[in-house]
C-alpha atoms as a PDB file:
ATOM      1  CA  MET A   1     142.093 151.054  82.035  1.00  0.00           C
ATOM      2  CA  SER A   2     143.783 147.723  81.351  1.00  0.00           C
ATOM      3  CA  ASN A   3     146.608 146.373  83.489  1.00  0.00           C
ATOM      4  CA  GLU A   4     149.007 146.808  80.556  1.00  0.00           C
ATOM      5  CA  LYS A   5     148.179 150.517  80.278  1.00  0.00           C
ATOM      6  CA  VAL A   6     148.502 150.952  84.036  1.00  0.00           C
ATOM      7  CA  MET A   7     151.929 149.288  84.001  1.00  0.00           C
ATOM      8  CA  ASP A   8     152.978 151.472  81.069  1.00  0.00           C
ATOM      9  CA  LEU A   9     151.830 154.602  82.908  1.00  0.00           C
ATOM     10  CA  TRP A  10     153.732 153.645  86.045  1.00  0.00           C
ATOM     11  CA  SER A  11     156.861 152.938  84.018  1.00  0.00           C
ATOM     12  CA  HIS A  12     156.684 156.492  82.639  1.00  0.00           C
ATOM     13  CA  VAL A  13     156.130 157.883  86.141  1.00  0.00           C
ATOM     14  CA  ASN A  14     159.113 155.935  87.481  1.00  0.00           C
ATOM     15  CA  GLU A  15     161.261 157.093  84.578  1.00  0.00           C
ATOM     16  CA  LEU A  16     160.253 160.720  85.191  1.00  0.00           C
ATOM     17  CA  ARG A  17     161.014 160.346  88.898  1.00  0.00           C
ATOM     18  CA  ARG A  18     164.435 158.878  88.087  1.00  0.00           C
ATOM     19  CA  ARG A  19     165.254 161.726  85.691  1.00  0.00           C
ATOM     20  CA  LEU A  20     164.132 164.358  88.190  1.00  0.00           C
ATOM     21  CA  LEU A  21     166.182 162.709  90.924  1.00  0.00           C
ATOM     22  CA  ASN A  22     169.248 162.744  88.675  1.00  0.00           C
ATOM     23  CA  ALA A  23     168.669 166.434  87.932  1.00  0.00           C
ATOM     24  CA  VAL A  24     168.315 167.275  91.631  1.00  0.00           C
ATOM     25  CA  ILE A  25     171.438 165.298  92.532  1.00  0.00           C
ATOM     26  CA  SER A  26     173.413 167.091  89.823  1.00  0.00           C
ATOM     27  CA  LEU A  27     172.204 170.450  91.164  1.00  0.00           C
ATOM     28  CA  ILE A  28     173.243 169.500  94.705  1.00  0.00           C
ATOM     29  CA  VAL A  29     176.695 168.375  93.533  1.00  0.00           C
ATOM     30  CA  THR A  30     177.338 171.497  91.453  1.00  0.00           C
ATOM     31  CA  THR A  31     176.072 173.761  94.237  1.00  0.00           C
ATOM     32  CA  LEU A  32     178.382 172.094  96.768  1.00  0.00           C
ATOM     33  CA  GLY A  33     181.219 172.480  94.310  1.00  0.00           C
ATOM     34  CA  SER A  34     180.279 176.134  93.848  1.00  0.00           C
ATOM     35  CA  PHE A  35     180.882 176.737  97.553  1.00  0.00           C
ATOM     36  CA  MET A  36     184.588 176.246  96.840  1.00  0.00           C
ATOM     37  CA  ILE A  37     184.686 179.002  94.213  1.00  0.00           C
ATOM     38  CA  ALA A  38     182.027 181.317  95.679  1.00  0.00           C
ATOM     39  CA  GLN A  39     184.599 183.771  97.031  1.00  0.00           C
ATOM     40  CA  TYR A  40     186.261 184.050  93.628  1.00  0.00           C
ATOM     41  CA  THR A  41     182.859 184.360  91.905  1.00  0.00           C
ATOM     42  CA  ILE A  42     181.777 187.186  94.214  1.00  0.00           C
ATOM     43  CA  GLU A  43     185.059 189.001  93.597  1.00  0.00           C
ATOM     44  CA  LEU A  44     184.523 188.560  89.850  1.00  0.00           C
ATOM     45  CA  LEU A  45     180.974 189.947  90.053  1.00  0.00           C
ATOM     46  CA  ALA A  46     182.299 192.950  91.985  1.00  0.00           C
ATOM     47  CA  GLN A  47     184.849 193.866  89.306  1.00  0.00           C
ATOM     48  CA  PRO A  48     182.500 196.105  87.247  1.00  0.00           C
ATOM     49  CA  ILE A  49     181.992 198.366  90.279  1.00  0.00           C
ATOM     50  CA  GLY A  50     185.671 198.444  91.207  1.00  0.00           C
ATOM     51  CA  GLY A  51     186.018 195.507  93.584  1.00  0.00           C
ATOM     52  CA  LEU A  52     184.635 194.407  96.938  1.00  0.00           C
ATOM     53  CA  ASP A  53     186.149 197.396  98.709  1.00  0.00           C
ATOM     54  CA  LYS A  54     183.563 199.567  96.922  1.00  0.00           C
ATOM     55  CA  LEU A  55     180.737 197.704  98.687  1.00  0.00           C
ATOM     56  CA  ILE A  56     179.542 197.685 102.281  1.00  0.00           C
ATOM     57  CA  SER A  57     177.764 195.114 104.443  1.00  0.00           C
ATOM     58  CA  ILE A  58     175.514 196.405 107.232  1.00  0.00           C
ATOM     59  CA  GLU A  59     173.820 193.222 108.436  1.00  0.00           C
ATOM     60  CA  VAL A  60     175.282 190.292 110.349  1.00  0.00           C
ATOM     61  CA  THR A  61     173.963 187.657 107.915  1.00  0.00           C
ATOM     62  CA  GLU A  62     174.393 189.682 104.733  1.00  0.00           C
ATOM     63  CA  SER A  63     177.688 188.129 103.631  1.00  0.00           C
ATOM     64  CA  VAL A  64     176.398 184.608 104.300  1.00  0.00           C
ATOM     65  CA  GLY A  65     173.228 185.307 102.299  1.00  0.00           C
ATOM     66  CA  VAL A  66     175.257 186.592  99.361  1.00  0.00           C
ATOM     67  CA  PHE A  67     177.568 183.567  99.581  1.00  0.00           C
ATOM     68  CA  MET A  68     174.587 181.169  99.421  1.00  0.00           C
ATOM     69  CA  ARG A  69     172.849 183.062  96.617  1.00  0.00           C
ATOM     70  CA  VAL A  70     175.935 183.113  94.415  1.00  0.00           C
ATOM     71  CA  SER A  71     176.654 179.425  95.126  1.00  0.00           C
ATOM     72  CA  LEU A  72     173.097 178.370  94.231  1.00  0.00           C
ATOM     73  CA  LEU A  73     173.047 180.390  91.019  1.00  0.00           C
ATOM     74  CA  THR A  74     176.485 179.143  89.988  1.00  0.00           C
ATOM     75  CA  GLY A  75     175.451 175.579  90.787  1.00  0.00           C
ATOM     76  CA  PHE A  76     172.313 175.919  88.664  1.00  0.00           C
ATOM     77  CA  ILE A  77     174.265 177.273  85.686  1.00  0.00           C
ATOM     78  CA  LEU A  78     176.840 174.463  85.936  1.00  0.00           C
ATOM     79  CA  ALA A  79     174.104 171.820  86.252  1.00  0.00           C
ATOM     80  CA  LEU A  80     171.963 173.241  83.428  1.00  0.00           C
ATOM     81  CA  PRO A  81     173.446 171.098  80.604  1.00  0.00           C
ATOM     82  CA  PHE A  82     172.929 167.897  82.617  1.00  0.00           C
ATOM     83  CA  ILE A  83     169.400 168.948  83.621  1.00  0.00           C
ATOM     84  CA  LEU A  84     168.555 169.569  79.951  1.00  0.00           C
ATOM     85  CA  PHE A  85     170.052 166.173  79.103  1.00  0.00           C
ATOM     86  CA  GLN A  86     167.764 164.469  81.640  1.00  0.00           C
ATOM     87  CA  LEU A  87     164.708 166.274  80.261  1.00  0.00           C
ATOM     88  CA  ILE A  88     165.560 165.401  76.664  1.00  0.00           C
ATOM     89  CA  SER A  89     166.326 161.776  77.594  1.00  0.00           C
ATOM     90  CA  PHE A  90     162.847 161.470  79.112  1.00  0.00           C
ATOM     91  CA  ILE A  91     160.952 162.766  76.083  1.00  0.00           C
ATOM     92  CA  SER A  92     163.235 161.353  73.355  1.00  0.00           C
ATOM     93  CA  PRO A  93     161.722 157.796  73.180  1.00  0.00           C
ATOM     94  CA  GLY A  94     158.544 159.242  71.627  1.00  0.00           C
ATOM     95  CA  LEU A  95     160.368 161.247  68.967  1.00  0.00           C
ATOM     96  CA  TYR A  96     161.636 160.591  65.461  1.00  0.00           C
ATOM     97  CA  ALA A  97     165.344 159.921  64.999  1.00  0.00           C
ATOM     98  CA  SER A  98     165.850 163.356  63.405  1.00  0.00           C
ATOM     99  CA  GLU A  99     164.072 165.009  66.351  1.00  0.00           C
ATOM    100  CA  LYS A 100     166.232 163.123  68.863  1.00  0.00           C
ATOM    101  CA  LYS A 101     169.372 164.238  67.066  1.00  0.00           C
ATOM    102  CA  MET A 102     168.173 167.850  66.972  1.00  0.00           C
ATOM    103  CA  LEU A 103     167.270 167.874  70.672  1.00  0.00           C
ATOM    104  CA  PHE A 104     170.653 166.583  71.766  1.00  0.00           C
ATOM    105  CA  ILE A 105     172.328 169.163  69.536  1.00  0.00           C
ATOM    106  CA  PHE A 106     170.305 171.774  71.399  1.00  0.00           C
ATOM    107  CA  ILE A 107     172.064 171.058  74.699  1.00  0.00           C
ATOM    108  CA  PRO A 108     175.334 172.753  73.683  1.00  0.00           C
ATOM    109  CA  ILE A 109     173.401 175.392  71.712  1.00  0.00           C
ATOM    110  CA  ALA A 110     171.266 176.268  74.761  1.00  0.00           C
ATOM    111  CA  THR A 111     174.381 176.420  76.923  1.00  0.00           C
ATOM    112  CA  LEU A 112     176.228 178.665  74.464  1.00  0.00           C
ATOM    113  CA  LEU A 113     173.240 180.994  74.084  1.00  0.00           C
ATOM    114  CA  PHE A 114     172.859 181.345  77.843  1.00  0.00           C
ATOM    115  CA  VAL A 115     176.590 181.910  78.382  1.00  0.00           C
ATOM    116  CA  GLY A 116     176.592 184.390  75.506  1.00  0.00           C
ATOM    117  CA  GLY A 117     173.755 186.342  77.111  1.00  0.00           C
ATOM    118  CA  VAL A 118     175.502 186.378  80.480  1.00  0.00           C
ATOM    119  CA  ALA A 119     178.788 187.504  78.880  1.00  0.00           C
ATOM    120  CA  PHE A 120     177.007 190.288  76.980  1.00  0.00           C
ATOM    121  CA  ALA A 121     175.287 191.519  80.138  1.00  0.00           C
ATOM    122  CA  PHE A 122     178.473 191.364  82.232  1.00  0.00           C
ATOM    123  CA  TYR A 123     181.037 192.843  79.845  1.00  0.00           C
ATOM    124  CA  ILE A 124     178.908 195.293  77.817  1.00  0.00           C
ATOM    125  CA  MET A 125     175.643 196.169  79.499  1.00  0.00           C
ATOM    126  CA  LEU A 126     176.570 196.096  83.182  1.00  0.00           C
ATOM    127  CA  PRO A 127     179.517 198.582  83.063  1.00  0.00           C
ATOM    128  CA  THR A 128     177.469 201.235  81.252  1.00  0.00           C
ATOM    129  CA  ALA A 129     174.464 200.668  83.514  1.00  0.00           C
ATOM    130  CA  LEU A 130     176.563 200.931  86.687  1.00  0.00           C
ATOM    131  CA  GLN A 131     178.228 204.112  85.470  1.00  0.00           C
ATOM    132  CA  PHE A 132     174.817 205.728  85.078  1.00  0.00           C
ATOM    133  CA  LEU A 133     173.411 204.359  88.328  1.00  0.00           C
ATOM    134  CA  ILE A 134     176.418 205.202  90.509  1.00  0.00           C
ATOM    135  CA  THR A 135     177.031 208.702  89.171  1.00  0.00           C
ATOM    136  CA  GLY A 136     173.299 209.295  88.990  1.00  0.00           C
ATOM    137  CA  ILE A 137     171.608 212.630  88.486  1.00  0.00           C
ATOM    138  CA  PHE A 138     172.816 214.249  91.693  1.00  0.00           C
ATOM    139  CA  PRO A 139     176.483 214.645  92.744  1.00  0.00           C
ATOM    140  CA  ILE A 140     176.089 212.378  95.776  1.00  0.00           C
ATOM    141  CA  GLU A 141     178.639 209.709  96.664  1.00  0.00           C
ATOM    142  CA  THR A 142     177.090 206.254  96.458  1.00  0.00           C
ATOM    143  CA  GLN A 143     178.434 203.136  98.160  1.00  0.00           C
ATOM    144  CA  PRO A 144     176.123 200.190  97.415  1.00  0.00           C
ATOM    145  CA  ARG A 145     175.340 197.414  99.870  1.00  0.00           C
ATOM    146  CA  LEU A 146     176.865 194.025  99.119  1.00  0.00           C
ATOM    147  CA  SER A 147     173.526 192.183  99.042  1.00  0.00           C
ATOM    148  CA  ASN A 148     171.795 194.867  96.964  1.00  0.00           C
ATOM    149  CA  TYR A 149     174.594 194.931  94.393  1.00  0.00           C
ATOM    150  CA  ILE A 150     174.912 191.136  94.086  1.00  0.00           C
ATOM    151  CA  ASN A 151     171.125 190.707  93.812  1.00  0.00           C
ATOM    152  CA  PHE A 152     171.027 193.360  91.106  1.00  0.00           C
ATOM    153  CA  VAL A 153     173.917 191.842  89.139  1.00  0.00           C
ATOM    154  CA  THR A 154     172.809 188.199  89.382  1.00  0.00           C
ATOM    155  CA  ASN A 155     169.221 189.053  88.403  1.00  0.00           C
ATOM    156  CA  LEU A 156     170.450 191.013  85.401  1.00  0.00           C
ATOM    157  CA  LEU A 157     172.864 188.302  84.270  1.00  0.00           C
ATOM    158  CA  PHE A 158     170.344 185.497  84.738  1.00  0.00           C
ATOM    159  CA  TRP A 159     167.419 187.104  82.904  1.00  0.00           C
ATOM    160  CA  ILE A 160     169.533 188.387  80.038  1.00  0.00           C
ATOM    161  CA  GLY A 161     170.916 184.860  79.709  1.00  0.00           C
ATOM    162  CA  VAL A 162     167.373 183.438  79.688  1.00  0.00           C
ATOM    163  CA  SER A 163     166.258 185.955  77.037  1.00  0.00           C
ATOM    164  CA  PHE A 164     168.988 184.632  74.739  1.00  0.00           C
ATOM    165  CA  GLU A 165     167.216 181.235  74.803  1.00  0.00           C
ATOM    166  CA  ILE A 166     164.319 182.628  72.744  1.00  0.00           C
ATOM    167  CA  PRO A 167     165.430 180.904  69.483  1.00  0.00           C
ATOM    168  CA  LEU A 168     165.014 177.499  71.120  1.00  0.00           C
ATOM    169  CA  VAL A 169     161.521 178.421  72.330  1.00  0.00           C
ATOM    170  CA  VAL A 170     160.635 179.601  68.822  1.00  0.00           C
ATOM    171  CA  PHE A 171     161.964 176.324  67.399  1.00  0.00           C
ATOM    172  CA  ALA A 172     159.646 174.330  69.688  1.00  0.00           C
ATOM    173  CA  LEU A 173     156.642 176.527  68.811  1.00  0.00           C
ATOM    174  CA  ALA A 174     157.421 176.155  65.113  1.00  0.00           C
ATOM    175  CA  LYS A 175     157.583 172.387  65.528  1.00  0.00           C
ATOM    176  CA  PHE A 176     154.005 172.431  66.795  1.00  0.00           C
ATOM    177  CA  ARG A 177     152.954 174.867  64.039  1.00  0.00           C
ATOM    178  CA  ILE A 178     152.131 177.604  66.542  1.00  0.00           C
ATOM    179  CA  LEU A 179     154.609 179.923  64.809  1.00  0.00           C
ATOM    180  CA  SER A 180     155.966 179.972  61.267  1.00  0.00           C
ATOM    181  CA  PRO A 181     158.966 181.646  59.622  1.00  0.00           C
ATOM    182  CA  LYS A 182     156.613 183.591  57.353  1.00  0.00           C
ATOM    183  CA  MET A 183     154.703 184.898  60.367  1.00  0.00           C
ATOM    184  CA  LEU A 184     157.894 186.008  62.120  1.00  0.00           C
ATOM    185  CA  ILE A 185     159.183 187.770  58.991  1.00  0.00           C
ATOM    186  CA  SER A 186     155.897 189.583  58.319  1.00  0.00           C
ATOM    187  CA  GLN A 187     155.560 190.729  61.944  1.00  0.00           C
ATOM    188  CA  TRP A 188     159.040 192.259  62.280  1.00  0.00           C
ATOM    189  CA  ARG A 189     157.600 195.707  63.062  1.00  0.00           C
ATOM    190  CA  ILE A 190     155.605 194.312  65.971  1.00  0.00           C
ATOM    191  CA  ALA A 191     158.725 192.434  67.070  1.00  0.00           C
ATOM    192  CA  ILE A 192     160.677 195.684  67.278  1.00  0.00           C
ATOM    193  CA  VAL A 193     157.974 197.195  69.491  1.00  0.00           C
ATOM    194  CA  VAL A 194     157.953 194.110  71.750  1.00  0.00           C
ATOM    195  CA  ILE A 195     161.767 194.121  71.911  1.00  0.00           C
ATOM    196  CA  ALA A 196     161.698 197.810  72.888  1.00  0.00           C
ATOM    197  CA  ILE A 197     159.218 197.048  75.691  1.00  0.00           C
ATOM    198  CA  VAL A 198     161.289 194.094  76.928  1.00  0.00           C
ATOM    199  CA  ALA A 199     164.460 196.196  76.802  1.00  0.00           C
ATOM    200  CA  ALA A 200     162.741 198.971  78.765  1.00  0.00           C
ATOM    201  CA  VAL A 201     161.631 196.480  81.443  1.00  0.00           C
ATOM    202  CA  VAL A 202     164.890 194.530  81.707  1.00  0.00           C
ATOM    203  CA  THR A 203     167.265 197.483  81.411  1.00  0.00           C
ATOM    204  CA  PRO A 204     168.120 198.650  84.938  1.00  0.00           C
ATOM    205  CA  THR A 205     168.472 202.289  83.885  1.00  0.00           C
ATOM    206  CA  PRO A 206     165.968 204.624  82.186  1.00  0.00           C
ATOM    207  CA  ASP A 207     168.446 206.094  79.717  1.00  0.00           C
ATOM    208  CA  PRO A 208     168.002 205.235  75.993  1.00  0.00           C
ATOM    209  CA  VAL A 209     171.680 204.284  75.577  1.00  0.00           C
ATOM    210  CA  ASN A 210     171.452 201.117  77.695  1.00  0.00           C
ATOM    211  CA  MET A 211     168.055 200.359  76.197  1.00  0.00           C
ATOM    212  CA  GLY A 212     169.556 200.543  72.711  1.00  0.00           C
ATOM    213  CA  ILE A 213     172.526 198.386  73.748  1.00  0.00           C
ATOM    214  CA  LEU A 214     170.081 195.634  74.740  1.00  0.00           C
ATOM    215  CA  MET A 215     167.750 196.080  71.749  1.00  0.00           C
ATOM    216  CA  LEU A 216     170.462 195.311  69.188  1.00  0.00           C
ATOM    217  CA  PRO A 217     171.313 191.783  70.406  1.00  0.00           C
ATOM    218  CA  LEU A 218     167.638 191.044  71.079  1.00  0.00           C
ATOM    219  CA  PHE A 219     166.812 191.898  67.471  1.00  0.00           C
ATOM    220  CA  ALA A 220     169.706 189.694  66.356  1.00  0.00           C
ATOM    221  CA  ILE A 221     168.204 186.940  68.516  1.00  0.00           C
ATOM    222  CA  TYR A 222     164.872 187.538  66.745  1.00  0.00           C
ATOM    223  CA  LEU A 223     166.547 187.069  63.363  1.00  0.00           C
ATOM    224  CA  LEU A 224     168.216 183.901  64.664  1.00  0.00           C
ATOM    225  CA  SER A 225     164.775 182.711  65.808  1.00  0.00           C
ATOM    226  CA  ILE A 226     163.541 182.986  62.216  1.00  0.00           C
ATOM    227  CA  VAL A 227     166.377 180.706  61.127  1.00  0.00           C
ATOM    228  CA  PHE A 228     165.482 178.206  63.855  1.00  0.00           C
ATOM    229  CA  ALA A 229     161.812 178.312  62.795  1.00  0.00           C
ATOM    230  CA  LYS A 230     162.810 177.529  59.195  1.00  0.00           C
ATOM    231  CA  ILE A 231     164.873 174.573  60.418  1.00  0.00           C
ATOM    232  CA  ALA A 232     161.888 173.303  62.440  1.00  0.00           C
ATOM    233  CA  TYR A 233     159.591 173.499  59.407  1.00  0.00           C
ATOM    234  CA  ARG A 234     162.130 171.771  57.163  1.00  0.00           C
ATOM    235  CA  GLU A 235     162.673 168.973  59.709  1.00  0.00           C
ATOM    236  CA  LYS A 236     158.914 168.498  59.999  1.00  0.00           C
ATOM    237  CA  ILE A 237     158.514 168.178  56.226  1.00  0.00           C
ATOM    238  CA  GLU A 238     161.340 165.642  55.944  1.00  0.00           C
ATOM    239  CA  GLU A 239     159.968 163.385  58.716  1.00  0.00           C
ATOM    240  CA  PRO A 240     158.430 160.090  57.582  1.00  0.00           C
ATOM    241  CA  ASP A 241     154.844 159.357  58.404  1.00  0.00           C
ATOM    242  CA  ALA A 242     154.319 157.608  61.744  1.00  0.00           C
END
């Protein structure tokens, strides 16, 4: 390997290290800032069950653990747009101008999709799921633990939010010709089966009502993914030869 190639490789490594450092610093800053609103965030997360007075804490470190977990998750969500910006800035020099523009447009789109998924899970899915889980099958009074409830809620919100990012993943796969709009349209029956399986796994309750509540937006996300795949194919066709 020539000295020029070695220098070029090290410049890429240094650039990657700088971008990762910026991402880590942003995560630290947002997490520290989240400490200031952690109490309010925990109270907000407890609203679907009726407030913090409906929860109990039976371990000495339980409240501290919940405080840290909520702060870290909140910090990650707040830092996500900047982290995506750092990632896109690193890979953008090797892309066409149209691809650079599309990637930077994806930052607000990815943020909106994630927030939309979290809002759906919190305001629509979580209340119905909690009603089933708390009342249960047997007439036994249930008072959840603070840590158990917060872990359950944050996991649900996070993974539903991540699942709403599927259109962006499909766009990337379509860019590399791994998927095509025609393939997605022709395989809609298989998609429904996969969506049903995902809904059954993600849904915290075994009842078909909550499963159906999740399947509807996931199928809408699938249709949106087809649109994104068409955009990826069109952008690829319009690109000039390198």
